[in-house]
């Protein structure tokens, strides 16, 4: 009890130890900021990975089945039924056509990607069906298309407007391949929150796409969605053994591995760099406690003289360093979690204050800053910070406990 009271007095009093007091509290601020920054960065990077996984994989499918000859998949309904029954983890199987075309609207040509799929398949793609901002999904038929909101804004298109689609190699003539042009009506506008898709994707009824690309009773690929995305590798290998060798099978880990690998590498590098902030603050604890020990030499001698043991002196200075570490970590955790949970609101406030955009959708793909706090990572950060702080107190605490009263009083 007496050790705790003395530790608190030394920690709060600046008398005779002004500079040591300042250094100690600067280390407290450094630990708090370091822990908060670590939590914020890891949460944002986790959010980026989850959002990219949801948007990219949710749009393209967890597994893609293609025909190696590139002529399209005939009897695709039979193959889709076979795939559905092959594993209980398979949730949806969507035959579709995916092709690059040239969009002509208001006289401006623009390269976009067409996805041709049935109305039922569109309804099952919840990433799109739940994010339709204009139009009705029941009207998805005939010579009508659904387009992304950013594409609609750029081309100034609205529901009921018409656009031209040009297929560069659509018609085969004695003189070679000639462009094929058809007109479509805008029936719906969607916004999934990923700029690359919202401005570069056109959704078209499967029958219209088959006619446009001369894919009579064929599709270009089959998308497979799973209940658990992490099982894609196992199921893709299983499908490769069960269906004909003329098909190629790719899971999301292969088709988009570079993006997700970059996110993981960036997260690890940022975590390593930002851990140095905590390490610097820990060295400040050592410096502060060492200076505090030097300024309290006579106090230590008097305490030893009146009966305090070396163990008690060790405990006093160990408590001082521990309190700084625990309090700094606690404040950092509260600050980090608060910012992580409100990161997008803070971004919007700063953008209004600065009167400029701080988060470019074209660069970061997403329309808002995502954040997902992993409590296991938060626990590891807390453990890392407190452990470093406790280790930092050992040297100055041992130094204080080894002072002899007679030698200290002669100084």
Protein backbone atom coordinates (compact mmCIF):
# COMPACT_ATOMS: atom_id res chain seq x y z
CA UNK A 1 0.00 0.00 0.00
CA UNK A 2 2.77 2.47 0.94
CA UNK A 3 4.56 1.69 -2.33
CA UNK A 4 1.47 2.60 -4.33
CA UNK A 5 1.04 5.92 -2.51
CA UNK A 6 4.68 6.90 -3.04
CA UNK A 7 4.51 5.88 -6.71
CA UNK A 8 1.42 8.03 -7.27
CA UNK A 9 3.07 10.97 -5.48
CA UNK A 10 6.23 10.71 -7.60
CA UNK A 11 4.11 10.41 -10.74
CA UNK A 12 2.01 13.49 -10.03
CA UNK A 13 4.58 15.77 -8.42
CA UNK A 14 6.96 17.94 -10.47
CA UNK A 15 8.92 19.22 -7.52
CA UNK A 16 12.61 18.44 -7.95
CA UNK A 17 12.02 16.32 -11.06
CA UNK A 18 10.51 18.66 -13.64
CA UNK A 19 12.23 17.34 -16.77
CA UNK A 20 11.77 13.70 -15.74
CA UNK A 21 8.09 14.47 -15.15
CA UNK A 22 7.75 15.93 -18.67
CA UNK A 23 9.55 12.99 -20.31
CA UNK A 24 7.39 10.48 -18.42
CA UNK A 25 4.17 12.11 -19.54
CA UNK A 26 5.42 12.49 -23.08
CA UNK A 27 5.98 8.75 -23.08
CA UNK A 28 2.37 8.35 -21.89
CA UNK A 29 1.17 10.42 -24.87
CA UNK A 30 3.44 8.50 -27.24
CA UNK A 31 2.12 5.12 -26.09
CA UNK A 32 -1.49 6.32 -26.37
CA UNK A 33 -0.97 7.67 -29.89
CA UNK A 34 1.00 4.61 -30.98
CA UNK A 35 -1.62 2.14 -29.75
CA UNK A 36 -4.47 4.22 -31.21
CA UNK A 37 -2.72 4.46 -34.59
CA UNK A 38 -2.05 0.72 -34.67
CA UNK A 39 -5.71 -0.08 -33.97
CA UNK A 40 -6.96 2.44 -36.55
CA UNK A 41 -4.59 1.22 -39.29
CA UNK A 42 -5.30 -2.49 -38.72
CA UNK A 43 -9.06 -1.82 -38.59
CA UNK A 44 -9.01 0.17 -41.84
CA UNK A 45 -6.87 -2.44 -43.61
CA UNK A 46 -9.20 -5.22 -42.39
CA UNK A 47 -12.12 -3.18 -43.66
CA UNK A 48 -10.46 -2.71 -47.04
CA UNK A 49 -9.90 -6.44 -47.41
CA UNK A 50 -13.46 -7.31 -46.43
CA UNK A 51 -15.01 -4.66 -48.68
CA UNK A 52 -12.84 -5.64 -51.64
CA UNK A 53 -13.67 -9.29 -51.05
CA UNK A 54 -17.40 -8.53 -50.83
CA UNK A 55 -17.46 -6.22 -53.84
CA UNK A 56 -15.01 -7.94 -56.20
CA UNK A 57 -15.88 -11.53 -55.37
CA UNK A 58 -19.55 -10.70 -54.87
CA UNK A 59 -19.67 -9.31 -58.40
CA UNK A 60 -17.51 -11.88 -60.18
CA UNK A 61 -18.21 -15.08 -58.28
CA UNK A 62 -16.06 -17.20 -55.99
CA UNK A 63 -15.31 -19.74 -58.75
CA UNK A 64 -15.42 -19.22 -62.55
CA UNK A 65 -15.88 -22.06 -65.06
CA UNK A 66 -14.72 -21.32 -68.62
CA UNK A 67 -14.40 -23.41 -71.75
CA UNK A 68 -10.80 -23.76 -72.87
CA UNK A 69 -11.72 -23.34 -76.56
CA UNK A 70 -13.28 -19.87 -75.98
CA UNK A 71 -16.31 -20.74 -78.15
CA UNK A 72 -18.69 -20.65 -75.22
CA UNK A 73 -20.45 -23.27 -73.11
CA UNK A 74 -23.36 -25.10 -74.74
CA UNK A 75 -25.87 -27.10 -72.67
CA UNK A 76 -24.98 -24.79 -69.80
CA UNK A 77 -28.15 -25.57 -67.84
CA UNK A 78 -27.15 -29.25 -67.61
CA UNK A 79 -23.64 -28.29 -66.50
CA UNK A 80 -25.05 -25.79 -63.98
CA UNK A 81 -27.30 -28.48 -62.46
CA UNK A 82 -24.35 -30.86 -62.20
CA UNK A 83 -22.29 -28.20 -60.44
CA UNK A 84 -25.13 -27.36 -58.00
CA UNK A 85 -25.43 -31.00 -56.90
CA UNK A 86 -21.68 -31.57 -56.58
CA UNK A 87 -21.22 -29.96 -53.13
CA UNK A 88 -23.43 -28.64 -50.32
CA UNK A 89 -21.22 -25.55 -49.98
CA UNK A 90 -22.32 -24.28 -53.41
CA UNK A 91 -24.98 -21.62 -52.92
CA UNK A 92 -25.59 -20.20 -56.42
CA UNK A 93 -24.65 -21.16 -59.96
CA UNK A 94 -25.09 -18.39 -62.55
CA UNK A 95 -24.54 -18.94 -66.30
CA UNK A 96 -23.70 -15.66 -68.01
CA UNK A 97 -22.02 -13.94 -70.93
CA UNK A 98 -19.19 -11.50 -70.25
CA UNK A 99 -17.84 -9.43 -73.13
CA UNK A 100 -16.15 -6.09 -73.80
CA UNK A 101 -18.13 -3.62 -75.94
CA UNK A 102 -18.07 0.04 -76.95
CA UNK A 103 -20.83 2.17 -75.48
CA UNK A 104 -21.93 5.15 -77.58
CA UNK A 105 -23.97 7.74 -75.71
CA UNK A 106 -24.33 11.41 -76.60
CA UNK A 107 -21.76 10.83 -79.34
CA UNK A 108 -19.06 9.70 -76.88
CA UNK A 109 -17.53 6.20 -77.27
CA UNK A 110 -16.52 4.39 -74.08
CA UNK A 111 -15.27 0.86 -73.47
CA UNK A 112 -17.36 -1.05 -70.90
CA UNK A 113 -18.02 -4.64 -69.83
CA UNK A 114 -21.36 -6.35 -70.52
CA UNK A 115 -22.72 -9.03 -68.21
CA UNK A 116 -25.55 -10.99 -69.80
CA UNK A 117 -27.62 -12.96 -67.28
CA UNK A 118 -31.18 -13.99 -66.59
CA UNK A 119 -33.61 -12.04 -64.39
CA UNK A 120 -33.53 -14.83 -61.78
CA UNK A 121 -29.72 -14.72 -61.70
CA UNK A 122 -29.80 -10.94 -61.28
CA UNK A 123 -32.18 -11.28 -58.34
CA UNK A 124 -29.88 -13.84 -56.72
CA UNK A 125 -26.90 -11.45 -57.02
CA UNK A 126 -27.76 -9.53 -53.87
CA UNK A 127 -24.81 -7.16 -54.27
CA UNK A 128 -26.68 -5.69 -57.26
CA UNK A 129 -30.34 -6.48 -56.58
CA UNK A 130 -30.20 -4.80 -53.15
CA UNK A 131 -28.46 -1.71 -54.52
CA UNK A 132 -30.73 -0.67 -57.39
CA UNK A 133 -31.29 3.08 -56.98
CA UNK A 134 -33.61 3.60 -59.98
CA UNK A 135 -35.89 1.28 -61.92
CA UNK A 136 -37.44 -2.08 -61.12
CA UNK A 137 -35.74 -5.43 -61.39
CA UNK A 138 -38.94 -7.01 -62.76
CA UNK A 139 -38.53 -4.91 -65.92
CA UNK A 140 -35.17 -6.51 -66.70
CA UNK A 141 -35.99 -8.02 -70.10
CA UNK A 142 -35.99 -7.43 -73.86
CA UNK A 143 -33.72 -4.73 -75.27
CA UNK A 144 -33.18 -3.14 -71.86
CA UNK A 145 -30.08 -2.75 -69.69
CA UNK A 146 -29.12 -1.81 -66.13
CA UNK A 147 -26.13 0.49 -65.74
CA UNK A 148 -23.98 1.73 -62.83
CA UNK A 149 -24.73 5.10 -61.25
CA UNK A 150 -21.32 6.58 -62.01
CA UNK A 151 -21.67 5.56 -65.65
CA UNK A 152 -25.14 7.14 -65.72
CA UNK A 153 -23.78 10.35 -64.20
CA UNK A 154 -20.82 10.57 -66.59
CA UNK A 155 -22.91 9.87 -69.70
CA UNK A 156 -25.93 11.85 -68.38
CA UNK A 157 -28.25 8.87 -68.78
CA UNK A 158 -31.60 8.37 -67.05
CA UNK A 159 -34.34 5.75 -66.95
CA UNK A 160 -35.95 5.55 -70.39
CA UNK A 161 -32.94 6.93 -72.27
CA UNK A 162 -31.42 4.96 -75.14
CA UNK A 163 -27.79 4.06 -75.75
CA UNK A 164 -25.94 2.33 -78.57
CA UNK A 165 -23.76 -0.71 -78.04
CA UNK A 166 -21.06 -1.45 -80.61
CA UNK A 167 -19.51 -4.91 -80.84
CA UNK A 168 -16.18 -4.48 -82.71
CA UNK A 169 -16.19 -7.98 -84.27
CA UNK A 170 -19.89 -8.70 -84.29
CA UNK A 171 -20.63 -9.41 -87.96
CA UNK A 172 -18.79 -11.91 -90.14
CA UNK A 173 -18.83 -10.98 -93.85
CA UNK A 174 -16.88 -12.04 -96.95
CA UNK A 175 -14.74 -8.98 -96.29
CA UNK A 176 -13.95 -9.98 -92.69
CA UNK A 177 -15.44 -9.04 -89.35
CA UNK A 178 -17.41 -5.83 -89.15
CA UNK A 179 -18.74 -3.95 -86.14
CA UNK A 180 -22.29 -4.74 -85.01
CA UNK A 181 -24.43 -2.03 -83.50
CA UNK A 182 -27.67 -2.27 -81.50
CA UNK A 183 -29.74 0.13 -79.42
CA UNK A 184 -30.83 -0.54 -75.83
CA UNK A 185 -33.07 1.25 -73.33
CA UNK A 186 -31.89 2.09 -69.81
CA UNK A 187 -34.30 0.27 -67.47
CA UNK A 188 -32.40 0.51 -64.18
CA UNK A 189 -29.46 2.09 -62.36
CA UNK A 190 -27.48 0.37 -59.61
CA UNK A 191 -24.81 1.57 -57.18
CA UNK A 192 -22.75 -1.05 -55.35
CA UNK A 193 -20.22 1.42 -53.91
CA UNK A 194 -17.19 0.35 -55.95
CA UNK A 195 -16.31 2.95 -58.56
CA UNK A 196 -14.75 0.52 -61.07
CA UNK A 197 -18.00 -1.45 -61.30
CA UNK A 198 -20.39 1.49 -61.01
CA UNK A 199 -18.87 3.15 -64.08
CA UNK A 200 -17.75 0.20 -66.22
CA UNK A 201 -20.49 -2.46 -66.02
CA UNK A 202 -23.68 -2.90 -68.06
CA UNK A 203 -26.14 -5.66 -67.16
CA UNK A 204 -28.13 -7.14 -70.05
CA UNK A 205 -30.78 -9.90 -70.24
CA UNK A 206 -29.19 -13.21 -71.24
CA UNK A 207 -31.32 -13.64 -74.39
CA UNK A 208 -30.39 -10.16 -75.62
CA UNK A 209 -26.68 -10.80 -74.92
CA UNK A 210 -26.82 -14.13 -76.77
CA UNK A 211 -28.31 -12.38 -79.78
CA UNK A 212 -25.87 -9.45 -79.62
CA UNK A 213 -22.75 -11.62 -79.40
CA UNK A 214 -24.04 -14.50 -81.60
CA UNK A 215 -23.97 -16.88 -78.63
CA UNK A 216 -27.07 -18.86 -79.56
CA UNK A 217 -27.92 -21.22 -76.66
CA UNK A 218 -24.46 -20.65 -75.20
CA UNK A 219 -22.80 -18.66 -72.42
CA UNK A 220 -19.20 -17.58 -72.01
CA UNK A 221 -18.81 -18.66 -68.38
CA UNK A 222 -20.51 -20.00 -65.27
CA UNK A 223 -20.13 -18.19 -61.95
CA UNK A 224 -20.28 -20.14 -58.71
CA UNK A 225 -21.02 -18.55 -55.32
CA UNK A 226 -20.22 -20.43 -52.12
CA UNK A 227 -21.57 -20.31 -48.58
CA UNK A 228 -18.00 -20.01 -47.30
CA UNK A 229 -15.61 -18.13 -49.58
CA UNK A 230 -12.54 -19.65 -47.89
CA UNK A 231 -13.49 -23.11 -49.23
CA UNK A 232 -13.16 -22.03 -52.87
CA UNK A 233 -9.82 -23.76 -53.43
CA UNK A 234 -11.09 -27.15 -52.20
CA UNK A 235 -14.30 -26.98 -54.23
CA UNK A 236 -12.55 -25.80 -57.42
CA UNK A 237 -10.22 -28.82 -57.22
CA UNK A 238 -13.21 -31.09 -56.66
CA UNK A 239 -15.03 -29.65 -59.68
CA UNK A 240 -11.91 -30.03 -61.82
CA UNK A 241 -12.02 -33.78 -61.12
CA UNK A 242 -15.76 -34.14 -61.71
CA UNK A 243 -16.40 -32.18 -64.92
CA UNK A 244 -14.87 -32.59 -68.36
CA UNK A 245 -11.27 -31.60 -69.02
CA UNK A 246 -12.37 -29.13 -71.70
CA UNK A 247 -13.31 -26.68 -68.93
CA UNK A 248 -10.96 -24.39 -67.01
CA UNK A 249 -11.77 -23.56 -63.38
CA UNK A 250 -10.46 -20.51 -61.52
CA UNK A 251 -11.20 -19.46 -57.95
CA UNK A 252 -11.07 -15.87 -56.68
CA UNK A 253 -7.70 -16.41 -54.98
CA UNK A 254 -6.08 -16.86 -58.39
CA UNK A 255 -7.96 -14.28 -60.43
CA UNK A 256 -7.62 -11.39 -57.92
CA UNK A 257 -4.76 -12.60 -55.74
CA UNK A 258 -2.54 -9.58 -56.49
CA UNK A 259 -5.05 -7.11 -55.02
CA UNK A 260 -5.61 -9.03 -51.80
CA UNK A 261 -1.92 -9.86 -51.44
CA UNK A 262 -1.09 -6.15 -51.78
CA UNK A 263 -3.59 -5.30 -49.01
CA UNK A 264 -2.11 -7.91 -46.67
CA UNK A 265 1.49 -6.83 -47.37
CA UNK A 266 0.61 -3.16 -46.86
CA UNK A 267 -1.12 -3.97 -43.58
CA UNK A 268 1.88 -5.92 -42.29
CA UNK A 269 4.36 -3.19 -43.31
CA UNK A 270 2.23 -0.42 -41.78
CA UNK A 271 1.86 -2.40 -38.56
CA UNK A 272 5.63 -2.90 -38.36
CA UNK A 273 6.38 0.78 -39.01
CA UNK A 274 3.77 2.07 -36.57
CA UNK A 275 4.96 -0.31 -33.85
CA UNK A 276 8.10 1.83 -33.77
CA UNK A 277 5.99 4.66 -32.30
CA UNK A 278 5.21 2.48 -29.30
CA UNK A 279 8.85 1.39 -29.09
CA UNK A 280 10.05 5.02 -29.04
CA UNK A 281 7.57 5.81 -26.27
CA UNK A 282 8.86 2.82 -24.31
CA UNK A 283 12.42 4.17 -24.51
CA UNK A 284 11.05 7.44 -23.15
CA UNK A 285 9.77 5.49 -20.14
CA UNK A 286 13.30 4.20 -19.52
CA UNK A 287 14.71 7.73 -19.86
CA UNK A 288 12.04 9.27 -17.65
CA UNK A 289 12.36 6.68 -14.90
CA UNK A 290 16.17 6.87 -14.98
CA UNK A 291 16.05 10.67 -14.58
CA UNK A 292 13.40 10.32 -11.88
CA UNK A 293 15.66 7.87 -10.05
CA UNK A 294 18.59 10.29 -10.22
CA UNK A 295 16.44 13.17 -8.93
CA UNK A 296 15.07 11.08 -6.05
CA UNK A 297 18.35 9.60 -4.77
CA UNK A 298 18.13 11.26 -1.36
CA UNK A 299 14.43 10.35 -1.07
CA UNK A 300 15.32 6.72 -1.79
CA UNK A 301 18.07 6.84 0.85
CA UNK A 302 15.66 8.21 3.47
CA UNK A 303 13.04 5.59 2.60
CA UNK A 304 15.65 2.84 2.96
CA UNK A 305 16.79 4.32 6.25
CA UNK A 306 13.27 4.29 7.76
CA UNK A 307 12.82 0.66 6.88
CA UNK A 308 11.73 0.21 3.23
CA UNK A 309 13.38 -2.80 1.63
CA UNK A 310 15.01 -2.99 -1.77
CA UNK A 311 11.96 -4.94 -2.90
CA UNK A 312 9.70 -2.02 -1.92
CA UNK A 313 11.88 0.51 -3.81
CA UNK A 314 11.84 -1.82 -6.83
CA UNK A 315 8.06 -2.03 -6.56
CA UNK A 316 7.66 1.80 -6.37
CA UNK A 317 9.49 2.46 -9.63
CA UNK A 318 8.02 -0.59 -11.29
CA UNK A 319 4.54 0.73 -10.43
CA UNK A 320 5.39 4.16 -11.91
CA UNK A 321 6.42 2.66 -15.26
CA UNK A 322 3.53 0.19 -15.25
CA UNK A 323 0.97 2.93 -14.56
CA UNK A 324 2.31 5.03 -17.44
CA UNK A 325 2.19 2.01 -19.76
CA UNK A 326 -1.25 0.76 -18.71
CA UNK A 327 -2.84 4.23 -18.70
CA UNK A 328 -1.27 5.12 -22.07
CA UNK A 329 -2.41 1.81 -23.57
CA UNK A 330 -5.93 2.22 -22.16
CA UNK A 331 -6.31 5.73 -23.54
CA UNK A 332 -4.89 4.57 -26.89
CA UNK A 333 -7.35 1.65 -27.09
CA UNK A 334 -10.34 3.90 -26.33
CA UNK A 335 -9.17 6.51 -28.85
CA UNK A 336 -8.32 3.92 -31.52
CA UNK A 337 -11.64 2.05 -31.28
CA UNK A 338 -13.63 5.30 -31.23
CA UNK A 339 -11.91 6.58 -34.38
CA UNK A 340 -12.16 3.17 -36.09
CA UNK A 341 -15.90 2.97 -35.53
CA UNK A 342 -16.44 6.53 -36.83
CA UNK A 343 -13.69 6.78 -39.45
CA UNK A 344 -16.00 7.62 -42.35
CA UNK A 345 -17.85 10.33 -40.38
CA UNK A 346 -14.49 11.85 -39.45
CA UNK A 347 -13.47 11.73 -43.13
CA UNK A 348 -16.65 13.53 -44.17
CA UNK A 349 -16.12 16.20 -41.49
CA UNK A 350 -12.52 16.79 -42.60
CA UNK A 351 -13.60 16.99 -46.25
CA UNK A 352 -16.19 19.64 -45.38
CA UNK A 353 -13.66 21.52 -43.26
CA UNK A 354 -10.95 21.38 -45.95
CA UNK A 355 -13.45 21.83 -48.78
CA UNK A 356 -11.79 19.10 -50.82
CA UNK A 357 -11.92 15.34 -51.24
CA UNK A 358 -9.54 13.30 -49.09
CA UNK A 359 -10.48 9.82 -50.32
CA UNK A 360 -10.43 9.33 -54.10
CA UNK A 361 -12.81 6.59 -55.25
CA UNK A 362 -10.79 6.11 -58.45
CA UNK A 363 -7.62 5.32 -56.49
CA UNK A 364 -9.09 3.29 -53.62
CA UNK A 365 -11.97 1.66 -55.61
CA UNK A 366 -14.46 2.21 -52.73
CA UNK A 367 -16.83 5.13 -52.15
CA UNK A 368 -16.23 5.25 -48.37
CA UNK A 369 -13.49 4.33 -45.91
CA UNK A 370 -14.24 0.85 -44.59
CA UNK A 371 -13.29 -0.24 -41.08
CA UNK A 372 -13.54 -3.57 -39.29
CA UNK A 373 -12.11 -3.94 -35.78
CA UNK A 374 -10.62 -7.36 -35.14
CA UNK A 375 -10.78 -7.85 -31.36
CA UNK A 376 -8.08 -10.51 -31.46
CA UNK A 377 -5.72 -7.98 -33.06
CA UNK A 378 -6.74 -5.32 -30.50
CA UNK A 379 -5.91 -7.78 -27.71
CA UNK A 380 -2.51 -8.52 -29.29
CA UNK A 381 -1.76 -4.77 -29.56
CA UNK A 382 -2.70 -4.28 -25.87
CA UNK A 383 -0.52 -7.20 -24.84
CA UNK A 384 2.38 -5.98 -27.00
CA UNK A 385 2.23 -2.44 -25.57
CA UNK A 386 1.91 -3.42 -21.89
CA UNK A 387 4.61 -6.09 -22.18
CA UNK A 388 7.07 -3.57 -23.69
CA UNK A 389 6.25 -1.04 -20.97
CA UNK A 390 6.78 -3.61 -18.20
CA UNK A 391 10.12 -4.64 -19.70
CA UNK A 392 11.14 -0.97 -19.93
CA UNK A 393 10.65 -0.45 -16.18
CA UNK A 394 12.98 -3.27 -15.14
CA UNK A 395 16.31 -1.46 -15.63
CA UNK A 396 15.51 1.87 -13.86
CA UNK A 397 13.60 0.06 -11.09
CA UNK A 398 16.53 -2.29 -10.41
CA UNK A 399 18.92 0.68 -10.49
CA UNK A 400 16.84 2.50 -7.85
CA UNK A 401 16.60 -0.58 -5.62
CA UNK A 402 20.38 -1.12 -5.60
CA UNK A 403 21.19 2.34 -4.20
CA UNK A 404 22.84 2.13 -0.78
CA UNK A 405 21.49 4.67 1.78
CA UNK A 406 24.95 5.76 3.02
CA UNK A 407 26.29 6.38 -0.49
CA UNK A 408 23.10 8.17 -1.56
CA UNK A 409 23.17 10.56 1.45
CA UNK A 410 26.79 11.55 0.70
CA UNK A 411 25.81 12.73 -2.84
